[in-house]
Each structure stands twice: as structure tokens, then as C-alpha cells.
């Protein structure tokens, strides 16, 4: 894996963690849901997403609430909130 791909993976993991925190979700609890399959799918979506700049901006500026509409994980995040994960 090249340094660029490693850096992208680390940055996206940080964004996903920050998004979970912003929405008040517990990553450990989300990992327990369905043996972690939904969280793993969300992590892959995040890794492939082209909205990292918008995501980082949203995390910095938005109040807690709903996941941003541009996020490919918005459905996952809202389901997790509904399940209190």
C-alpha cells in the first residue's frame, strides 16, 4: 500500500470516528450490532467517499443532530441513533 492510500485510510477512519462522536454514537456498541457487519460496511463506504472535505467541515461546524445528507452512511448513522448505539 502506498503512503497516499495509508494516509487516506487513516484520515477517513478519523473522520468516521469524529462523525460517530458528533452524533453521540458509541463505536464499540455499533460494532456489536449484527457482529459488526453494518459498521464494517459503513467504514468501507467512508473509505471510498469523495466528500472528505465537506465531511470535515460539517463535523467542525454542525450542531449535533442528523447525519449530513451528502454522507453515504447517513442511513446507517440514523439507524444507529434510533437503536441508541
PDB file of N, CA and C in Angstrom:
ATOM      1  N   UNK A   1       0.862  -1.174   0.000  1.00  0.00           N
ATOM      2  CA  UNK A   1       0.000   0.000   0.000  1.00  0.00           C
ATOM      3  C   UNK A   1       0.908   1.237   0.000  1.00  0.00           C
ATOM      4  N   UNK A   2       0.597   2.176  -0.834  1.00  0.00           N
ATOM      5  CA  UNK A   2       1.415   3.382  -0.897  1.00  0.00           C
ATOM      6  C   UNK A   2       1.085   4.304   0.267  1.00  0.00           C
ATOM      7  N   UNK A   3       1.984   5.243   0.522  1.00  0.00           N
ATOM      8  CA  UNK A   3       1.780   6.183   1.633  1.00  0.00           C
ATOM      9  C   UNK A   3       0.501   6.976   1.442  1.00  0.00           C
ATOM     10  N   UNK A   4       0.151   7.291   0.195  1.00  0.00           N
ATOM     11  CA  UNK A   4      -1.063   8.070  -0.063  1.00  0.00           C
ATOM     12  C   UNK A   4      -2.311   7.294   0.373  1.00  0.00           C
ATOM     13  N   UNK A   5      -2.350   6.010   0.048  1.00  0.00           N
ATOM     14  CA  UNK A   5      -3.502   5.194   0.438  1.00  0.00           C
ATOM     15  C   UNK A   5      -3.568   5.004   1.944  1.00  0.00           C
ATOM     16  N   UNK A   6      -2.411   4.839   2.574  1.00  0.00           N
ATOM     17  CA  UNK A   6      -2.393   4.720   4.042  1.00  0.00           C
ATOM     18  C   UNK A   6      -2.901   5.995   4.698  1.00  0.00           C
ATOM     19  N   UNK A   7      -2.416   7.117   4.188  1.00  0.00           N
ATOM     20  CA  UNK A   7      -2.843   8.401   4.753  1.00  0.00           C
ATOM     21  C   UNK A   7      -4.344   8.599   4.562  1.00  0.00           C
ATOM     22  N   UNK A   8      -4.861   8.226   3.393  1.00  0.00           N
ATOM     23  CA  UNK A   8      -6.302   8.338   3.138  1.00  0.00           C
ATOM     24  C   UNK A   8      -7.084   7.459   4.109  1.00  0.00           C
ATOM     25  N   UNK A   9      -6.619   6.227   4.314  1.00  0.00           N
ATOM     26  CA  UNK A   9      -7.322   5.310   5.211  1.00  0.00           C
ATOM     27  C   UNK A   9      -7.339   5.852   6.638  1.00  0.00           C
ATOM     28  N   UNK A  10      -6.217   6.374   7.100  1.00  0.00           N
ATOM     29  CA  UNK A  10      -6.146   6.942   8.452  1.00  0.00           C
ATOM     30  C   UNK A  10      -7.063   8.155   8.562  1.00  0.00           C
ATOM     31  N   UNK A  11      -7.020   9.030   7.572  1.00  0.00           N
ATOM     32  CA  UNK A  11      -7.860  10.235   7.598  1.00  0.00           C
ATOM     33  C   UNK A  11      -9.339   9.868   7.612  1.00  0.00           C
ATOM     34  N   UNK A  12      -9.730   8.907   6.794  1.00  0.00           N
ATOM     35  CA  UNK A  12     -11.143   8.512   6.755  1.00  0.00           C
ATOM     36  C   UNK A  12     -11.572   7.856   8.057  1.00  0.00           C
ATOM     37  N   UNK A  13     -10.699   7.076   8.665  1.00  0.00           N
ATOM     38  CA  UNK A  13     -11.024   6.479   9.964  1.00  0.00           C
ATOM     39  C   UNK A  13     -11.221   7.566  11.012  1.00  0.00           C
ATOM     40  N   UNK A  14     -10.383   8.604  10.958  1.00  0.00           N
ATOM     41  CA  UNK A  14     -10.532   9.721  11.886  1.00  0.00           C
ATOM     42  C   UNK A  14     -11.848  10.448  11.647  1.00  0.00           C
ATOM     43  N   UNK A  15     -12.193  10.662  10.376  1.00  0.00           N
ATOM     44  CA  UNK A  15     -13.464  11.326  10.066  1.00  0.00           C
ATOM     45  C   UNK A  15     -14.641  10.496  10.554  1.00  0.00           C
ATOM     46  N   UNK A  16     -14.583   9.196  10.327  1.00  0.00           N
ATOM     47  CA  UNK A  16     -15.700   8.354  10.758  1.00  0.00           C
ATOM     48  C   UNK A  16     -15.835   8.374  12.274  1.00  0.00           C
ATOM     49  N   UNK A  17     -14.720   8.307  12.979  1.00  0.00           N
ATOM     50  CA  UNK A  17     -14.771   8.387  14.438  1.00  0.00           C
ATOM     51  C   UNK A  17     -15.328   9.716  14.913  1.00  0.00           C
ATOM     52  N   UNK A  18     -14.912  10.796  14.255  1.00  0.00           N
ATOM     53  CA  UNK A  18     -15.413  12.119  14.625  1.00  0.00           C
ATOM     54  C   UNK A  18     -16.902  12.241  14.327  1.00  0.00           C
ATOM     55  N   UNK A  19     -17.353  11.642  13.232  1.00  0.00           N
ATOM     56  CA  UNK A  19     -18.780  11.674  12.885  1.00  0.00           C
ATOM     57  C   UNK A  19     -19.581  10.910  13.936  1.00  0.00           C
ATOM     58  N   UNK A  20     -19.095   9.737  14.328  1.00  0.00           N
ATOM     59  CA  UNK A  20     -19.787   8.967  15.362  1.00  0.00           C
ATOM     60  C   UNK A  20     -19.859   9.764  16.662  1.00  0.00           C
ATOM     61  N   UNK A  21     -18.752  10.383  17.040  1.00  0.00           N
ATOM     62  CA  UNK A  21     -18.736  11.214  18.253  1.00  0.00           C
ATOM     63  C   UNK A  21     -19.723  12.362  18.139  1.00  0.00           C
ATOM     64  N   UNK A  22     -19.708  13.041  17.014  1.00  0.00           N
ATOM     65  CA  UNK A  22     -20.579  14.204  16.807  1.00  0.00           C
ATOM     66  C   UNK A  22     -22.047  13.834  16.966  1.00  0.00           C
ATOM     67  N   UNK A  23     -22.383  12.623  16.511  1.00  0.00           N
ATOM     68  CA  UNK A  23     -23.768  12.170  16.580  1.00  0.00           C
ATOM     69  C   UNK A  23     -24.086  11.428  17.878  1.00  0.00           C
ATOM     70  N   UNK A  24     -23.095  11.364  18.777  1.00  0.00           N
ATOM     71  CA  UNK A  24     -23.325  10.727  20.066  1.00  0.00           C
ATOM     72  C   UNK A  24     -23.418   9.216  20.001  1.00  0.00           C
ATOM     73  N   UNK A  25     -22.736   8.608  19.035  1.00  0.00           N
ATOM     74  CA  UNK A  25     -22.781   7.160  18.871  1.00  0.00           C
ATOM     75  C   UNK A  25     -21.525   6.522  19.442  1.00  0.00           C
ATOM     76  N   UNK A  26     -21.683   5.364  20.032  1.00  0.00           N
ATOM     77  CA  UNK A  26     -20.578   4.625  20.629  1.00  0.00           C
ATOM     78  C   UNK A  26     -20.064   3.612  19.602  1.00  0.00           C
ATOM     79  N   UNK A  27     -18.835   3.780  19.104  1.00  0.00           N
ATOM     80  CA  UNK A  27     -18.314   2.854  18.100  1.00  0.00           C
ATOM     81  C   UNK A  27     -18.280   1.398  18.586  1.00  0.00           C
ATOM     82  N   UNK A  28     -17.958   1.187  19.854  1.00  0.00           N
ATOM     83  CA  UNK A  28     -17.915  -0.176  20.381  1.00  0.00           C
ATOM     84  C   UNK A  28     -19.303  -0.810  20.354  1.00  0.00           C
ATOM     85  N   UNK A  29     -20.296  -0.040  20.704  1.00  0.00           N
ATOM     86  CA  UNK A  29     -21.671  -0.552  20.675  1.00  0.00           C
ATOM     87  C   UNK A  29     -22.115  -0.800  19.233  1.00  0.00           C
ATOM     88  N   UNK A  30     -21.764   0.107  18.331  1.00  0.00           N
ATOM     89  CA  UNK A  30     -22.119  -0.068  16.915  1.00  0.00           C
ATOM     90  C   UNK A  30     -21.442  -1.314  16.347  1.00  0.00           C
ATOM     91  N   UNK A  31     -20.243  -1.620  16.821  1.00  0.00           N
ATOM     92  CA  UNK A  31     -19.519  -2.802  16.344  1.00  0.00           C
ATOM     93  C   UNK A  31     -20.191  -4.093  16.788  1.00  0.00           C
ATOM     94  N   UNK A  32     -20.956  -4.049  17.860  1.00  0.00           N
ATOM     95  CA  UNK A  32     -21.653  -5.247  18.348  1.00  0.00           C
ATOM     96  C   UNK A  32     -22.910  -5.550  17.536  1.00  0.00           C
ATOM     97  N   UNK A  33     -23.464  -4.556  16.887  1.00  0.00           N
ATOM     98  CA  UNK A  33     -24.694  -4.729  16.111  1.00  0.00           C
ATOM     99  C   UNK A  33     -24.423  -5.654  14.924  1.00  0.00           C
ATOM    100  N   UNK A  34     -25.150  -6.747  14.849  1.00  0.00           N
ATOM    101  CA  UNK A  34     -25.052  -7.713  13.747  1.00  0.00           C
ATOM    102  C   UNK A  34     -23.602  -8.137  13.502  1.00  0.00           C
ATOM    103  N   UNK A  35     -22.876  -8.367  14.600  1.00  0.00           N
ATOM    104  CA  UNK A  35     -21.478  -8.825  14.541  1.00  0.00           C
ATOM    105  C   UNK A  35     -20.572  -7.857  13.786  1.00  0.00           C
ATOM    106  N   UNK A  36     -20.928  -6.586  13.787  1.00  0.00           N
ATOM    107  CA  UNK A  36     -20.078  -5.562  13.200  1.00  0.00           C
ATOM    108  C   UNK A  36     -20.236  -5.362  11.709  1.00  0.00           C
ATOM    109  N   UNK A  37     -21.091  -6.136  11.067  1.00  0.00           N
ATOM    110  CA  UNK A  37     -21.240  -6.037   9.610  1.00  0.00           C
ATOM    111  C   UNK A  37     -21.684  -4.645   9.161  1.00  0.00           C
ATOM    112  N   UNK A  38     -22.697  -4.023   9.784  1.00  0.00           N
ATOM    113  CA  UNK A  38     -23.095  -2.688   9.339  1.00  0.00           C
ATOM    114  C   UNK A  38     -21.980  -1.651   9.517  1.00  0.00           C
ATOM    115  N   UNK A  39     -21.242  -1.738  10.608  1.00  0.00           N
ATOM    116  CA  UNK A  39     -20.143  -0.798  10.834  1.00  0.00           C
ATOM    117  C   UNK A  39     -19.019  -1.022   9.826  1.00  0.00           C
ATOM    118  N   UNK A  40     -18.716  -2.267   9.511  1.00  0.00           N
ATOM    119  CA  UNK A  40     -17.682  -2.559   8.516  1.00  0.00           C
ATOM    120  C   UNK A  40     -18.087  -2.028   7.142  1.00  0.00           C
ATOM    121  N   UNK A  41     -19.346  -2.183   6.783  1.00  0.00           N
ATOM    122  CA  UNK A  41     -19.838  -1.656   5.511  1.00  0.00           C
ATOM    123  C   UNK A  41     -19.737  -0.138   5.503  1.00  0.00           C
ATOM    124  N   UNK A  42     -20.102   0.482   6.609  1.00  0.00           N
ATOM    125  CA  UNK A  42     -20.015   1.944   6.714  1.00  0.00           C
ATOM    126  C   UNK A  42     -18.565   2.406   6.597  1.00  0.00           C
ATOM    127  N   UNK A  43     -17.638   1.679   7.193  1.00  0.00           N
ATOM    128  CA  UNK A  43     -16.224   2.046   7.110  1.00  0.00           C
ATOM    129  C   UNK A  43     -15.730   1.975   5.665  1.00  0.00           C
ATOM    130  N   UNK A  44     -16.160   0.950   4.926  1.00  0.00           N
ATOM    131  CA  UNK A  44     -15.775   0.851   3.513  1.00  0.00           C
ATOM    132  C   UNK A  44     -16.355   2.001   2.707  1.00  0.00           C
ATOM    133  N   UNK A  45     -17.623   2.335   2.973  1.00  0.00           N
ATOM    134  CA  UNK A  45     -18.232   3.473   2.266  1.00  0.00           C
ATOM    135  C   UNK A  45     -17.461   4.754   2.544  1.00  0.00           C
ATOM    136  N   UNK A  46     -17.083   4.938   3.795  1.00  0.00           N
ATOM    137  CA  UNK A  46     -16.341   6.135   4.187  1.00  0.00           C
ATOM    138  C   UNK A  46     -14.986   6.179   3.473  1.00  0.00           C
ATOM    139  N   UNK A  47     -14.321   5.060   3.405  1.00  0.00           N
ATOM    140  CA  UNK A  47     -13.018   4.999   2.754  1.00  0.00           C
ATOM    141  C   UNK A  47     -13.109   5.396   1.283  1.00  0.00           C
ATOM    142  N   UNK A  48     -14.204   5.047   0.628  1.00  0.00           N
ATOM    143  CA  UNK A  48     -14.365   5.305  -0.807  1.00  0.00           C
ATOM    144  C   UNK A  48     -15.068   6.627  -1.108  1.00  0.00           C
ATOM    145  N   UNK A  49     -15.543   7.321  -0.095  1.00  0.00           N
ATOM    146  CA  UNK A  49     -16.315   8.547  -0.276  1.00  0.00           C
ATOM    147  C   UNK A  49     -15.434   9.694  -0.795  1.00  0.00           C
ATOM    148  N   UNK A  50     -16.010  10.504  -1.665  1.00  0.00           N
ATOM    149  CA  UNK A  50     -15.316  11.669  -2.219  1.00  0.00           C
ATOM    150  C   UNK A  50     -15.662  12.970  -1.492  1.00  0.00           C
ATOM    151  N   UNK A  51     -16.359  12.896  -0.376  1.00  0.00           N
ATOM    152  CA  UNK A  51     -16.833  14.084   0.332  1.00  0.00           C
ATOM    153  C   UNK A  51     -16.046  14.379   1.614  1.00  0.00           C
ATOM    154  N   UNK A  52     -14.772  13.998   1.658  1.00  0.00           N
ATOM    155  CA  UNK A  52     -13.989  14.163   2.891  1.00  0.00           C
ATOM    156  C   UNK A  52     -13.891  15.620   3.331  1.00  0.00           C
ATOM    157  N   UNK A  53     -13.726  16.536   2.391  1.00  0.00           N
ATOM    158  CA  UNK A  53     -13.612  17.956   2.754  1.00  0.00           C
ATOM    159  C   UNK A  53     -14.926  18.448   3.346  1.00  0.00           C
ATOM    160  N   UNK A  54     -16.036  18.143   2.676  1.00  0.00           N
ATOM    161  CA  UNK A  54     -17.352  18.546   3.180  1.00  0.00           C
ATOM    162  C   UNK A  54     -17.637  17.874   4.526  1.00  0.00           C
ATOM    163  N   UNK A  55     -17.224  16.644   4.671  1.00  0.00           N
ATOM    164  CA  UNK A  55     -17.434  15.913   5.920  1.00  0.00           C
ATOM    165  C   UNK A  55     -16.692  16.592   7.067  1.00  0.00           C
ATOM    166  N   UNK A  56     -15.423  16.881   6.853  1.00  0.00           N
ATOM    167  CA  UNK A  56     -14.643  17.541   7.889  1.00  0.00           C
ATOM    168  C   UNK A  56     -15.225  18.883   8.275  1.00  0.00           C
ATOM    169  N   UNK A  57     -15.683  19.625   7.283  1.00  0.00           N
ATOM    170  CA  UNK A  57     -16.295  20.934   7.538  1.00  0.00           C
ATOM    171  C   UNK A  57     -17.579  20.761   8.347  1.00  0.00           C
ATOM    172  N   UNK A  58     -18.393  19.772   7.958  1.00  0.00           N
ATOM    173  CA  UNK A  58     -19.664  19.537   8.664  1.00  0.00           C
ATOM    174  C   UNK A  58     -19.379  19.181  10.123  1.00  0.00           C
ATOM    175  N   UNK A  59     -18.403  18.313  10.346  1.00  0.00           N
ATOM    176  CA  UNK A  59     -18.066  17.891  11.714  1.00  0.00           C
ATOM    177  C   UNK A  59     -17.649  19.097  12.555  1.00  0.00           C
ATOM    178  N   UNK A  60     -16.894  19.998  11.989  1.00  0.00           N
ATOM    179  CA  UNK A  60     -16.430  21.178  12.718  1.00  0.00           C
ATOM    180  C   UNK A  60     -17.543  22.185  12.981  1.00  0.00           C
ATOM    181  N   UNK A  61     -18.465  22.330  12.050  1.00  0.00           N
ATOM    182  CA  UNK A  61     -19.421  23.436  12.105  1.00  0.00           C
ATOM    183  C   UNK A  61     -20.825  23.067  12.559  1.00  0.00           C
ATOM    184  N   UNK A  62     -21.249  21.856  12.341  1.00  0.00           N
ATOM    185  CA  UNK A  62     -22.640  21.494  12.614  1.00  0.00           C
ATOM    186  C   UNK A  62     -22.869  21.233  14.096  1.00  0.00           C
ATOM    187  N   UNK A  63     -24.096  21.469  14.496  1.00  0.00           N
ATOM    188  CA  UNK A  63     -24.511  21.067  15.833  1.00  0.00           C
ATOM    189  C   UNK A  63     -24.859  19.590  15.772  1.00  0.00           C
ATOM    190  N   UNK A  64     -24.920  18.957  16.952  1.00  0.00           N
ATOM    191  CA  UNK A  64     -25.373  17.567  16.958  1.00  0.00           C
ATOM    192  C   UNK A  64     -26.761  17.523  16.354  1.00  0.00           C
ATOM    193  N   UNK A  65     -27.051  16.466  15.700  1.00  0.00           N
ATOM    194  CA  UNK A  65     -28.352  16.313  15.065  1.00  0.00           C
ATOM    195  C   UNK A  65     -28.316  15.130  14.130  1.00  0.00           C
ATOM    196  N   UNK A  66     -28.835  15.346  12.950  1.00  0.00           N
ATOM    197  CA  UNK A  66     -28.885  14.280  11.964  1.00  0.00           C
ATOM    198  C   UNK A  66     -27.600  14.244  11.153  1.00  0.00           C
ATOM    199  N   UNK A  67     -27.323  13.082  10.599  1.00  0.00           N
ATOM    200  CA  UNK A  67     -26.178  12.931   9.710  1.00  0.00           C
ATOM    201  C   UNK A  67     -26.387  13.828   8.487  1.00  0.00           C
ATOM    202  N   UNK A  68     -25.309  14.340   7.919  1.00  0.00           N
ATOM    203  CA  UNK A  68     -25.448  15.219   6.767  1.00  0.00           C
ATOM    204  C   UNK A  68     -26.005  14.464   5.561  1.00  0.00           C
ATOM    205  N   UNK A  69     -26.810  15.124   4.754  1.00  0.00           N
ATOM    206  CA  UNK A  69     -27.451  14.443   3.624  1.00  0.00           C
ATOM    207  C   UNK A  69     -26.470  13.953   2.564  1.00  0.00           C
ATOM    208  N   UNK A  70     -25.285  14.553   2.473  1.00  0.00           N
ATOM    209  CA  UNK A  70     -24.314  14.111   1.474  1.00  0.00           C
ATOM    210  C   UNK A  70     -23.586  12.839   1.878  1.00  0.00           C
ATOM    211  N   UNK A  71     -23.716  12.434   3.130  1.00  0.00           N
ATOM    212  CA  UNK A  71     -22.968  11.296   3.659  1.00  0.00           C
ATOM    213  C   UNK A  71     -23.544   9.976   3.136  1.00  0.00           C
ATOM    214  N   UNK A  72     -22.698   9.130   2.533  1.00  0.00           N
ATOM    215  CA  UNK A  72     -23.203   7.835   2.061  1.00  0.00           C
ATOM    216  C   UNK A  72     -23.594   6.900   3.210  1.00  0.00           C
ATOM    217  N   UNK A  73     -23.223   7.265   4.431  1.00  0.00           N
ATOM    218  CA  UNK A  73     -23.586   6.471   5.608  1.00  0.00           C
ATOM    219  C   UNK A  73     -24.735   7.078   6.399  1.00  0.00           C
ATOM    220  N   UNK A  74     -25.411   8.051   5.845  1.00  0.00           N
ATOM    221  CA  UNK A  74     -26.485   8.727   6.578  1.00  0.00           C
ATOM    222  C   UNK A  74     -27.537   7.738   7.087  1.00  0.00           C
ATOM    223  N   UNK A  75     -27.942   6.781   6.258  1.00  0.00           N
ATOM    224  CA  UNK A  75     -28.941   5.801   6.697  1.00  0.00           C
ATOM    225  C   UNK A  75     -28.421   4.953   7.853  1.00  0.00           C
ATOM    226  N   UNK A  76     -27.184   4.483   7.734  1.00  0.00           N
ATOM    227  CA  UNK A  76     -26.578   3.694   8.809  1.00  0.00           C
ATOM    228  C   UNK A  76     -26.520   4.501  10.103  1.00  0.00           C
ATOM    229  N   UNK A  77     -26.075   5.732   9.998  1.00  0.00           N
ATOM    230  CA  UNK A  77     -25.922   6.588  11.180  1.00  0.00           C
ATOM    231  C   UNK A  77     -27.271   6.873  11.836  1.00  0.00           C
ATOM    232  N   UNK A  78     -28.287   7.127  11.036  1.00  0.00           N
ATOM    233  CA  UNK A  78     -29.616   7.394  11.610  1.00  0.00           C
ATOM    234  C   UNK A  78     -30.211   6.138  12.236  1.00  0.00           C
ATOM    235  N   UNK A  79     -29.987   4.962  11.613  1.00  0.00           N
ATOM    236  CA  UNK A  79     -30.455   3.713  12.219  1.00  0.00           C
ATOM    237  C   UNK A  79     -29.747   3.467  13.547  1.00  0.00           C
ATOM    238  N   UNK A  80     -28.439   3.731  13.570  1.00  0.00           N
ATOM    239  CA  UNK A  80     -27.673   3.537  14.805  1.00  0.00           C
ATOM    240  C   UNK A  80     -28.188   4.467  15.903  1.00  0.00           C
ATOM    241  N   UNK A  81     -28.505   5.695  15.534  1.00  0.00           N
ATOM    242  CA  UNK A  81     -29.060   6.629  16.535  1.00  0.00           C
ATOM    243  C   UNK A  81     -30.390   6.118  17.049  1.00  0.00           C
ATOM    244  N   UNK A  82     -31.236   5.602  16.162  1.00  0.00           N
ATOM    245  CA  UNK A  82     -32.544   5.100  16.566  1.00  0.00           C
ATOM    246  C   UNK A  82     -32.406   3.901  17.508  1.00  0.00           C
ATOM    247  N   UNK A  83     -31.351   3.107  17.303  1.00  0.00           N
ATOM    248  CA  UNK A  83     -31.103   1.943  18.163  1.00  0.00           C
ATOM    249  C   UNK A  83     -30.291   2.299  19.398  1.00  0.00           C
ATOM    250  N   UNK A  84     -29.918   3.586  19.535  1.00  0.00           N
ATOM    251  CA  UNK A  84     -29.126   4.083  20.658  1.00  0.00           C
ATOM    252  C   UNK A  84     -27.778   3.372  20.760  1.00  0.00           C
ATOM    253  N   UNK A  85     -27.098   3.249  19.620  1.00  0.00           N
ATOM    254  CA  UNK A  85     -25.790   2.569  19.613  1.00  0.00           C
ATOM    255  C   UNK A  85     -24.691   3.505  19.966  1.00  0.00           C
TER     256      UNK A  85
END
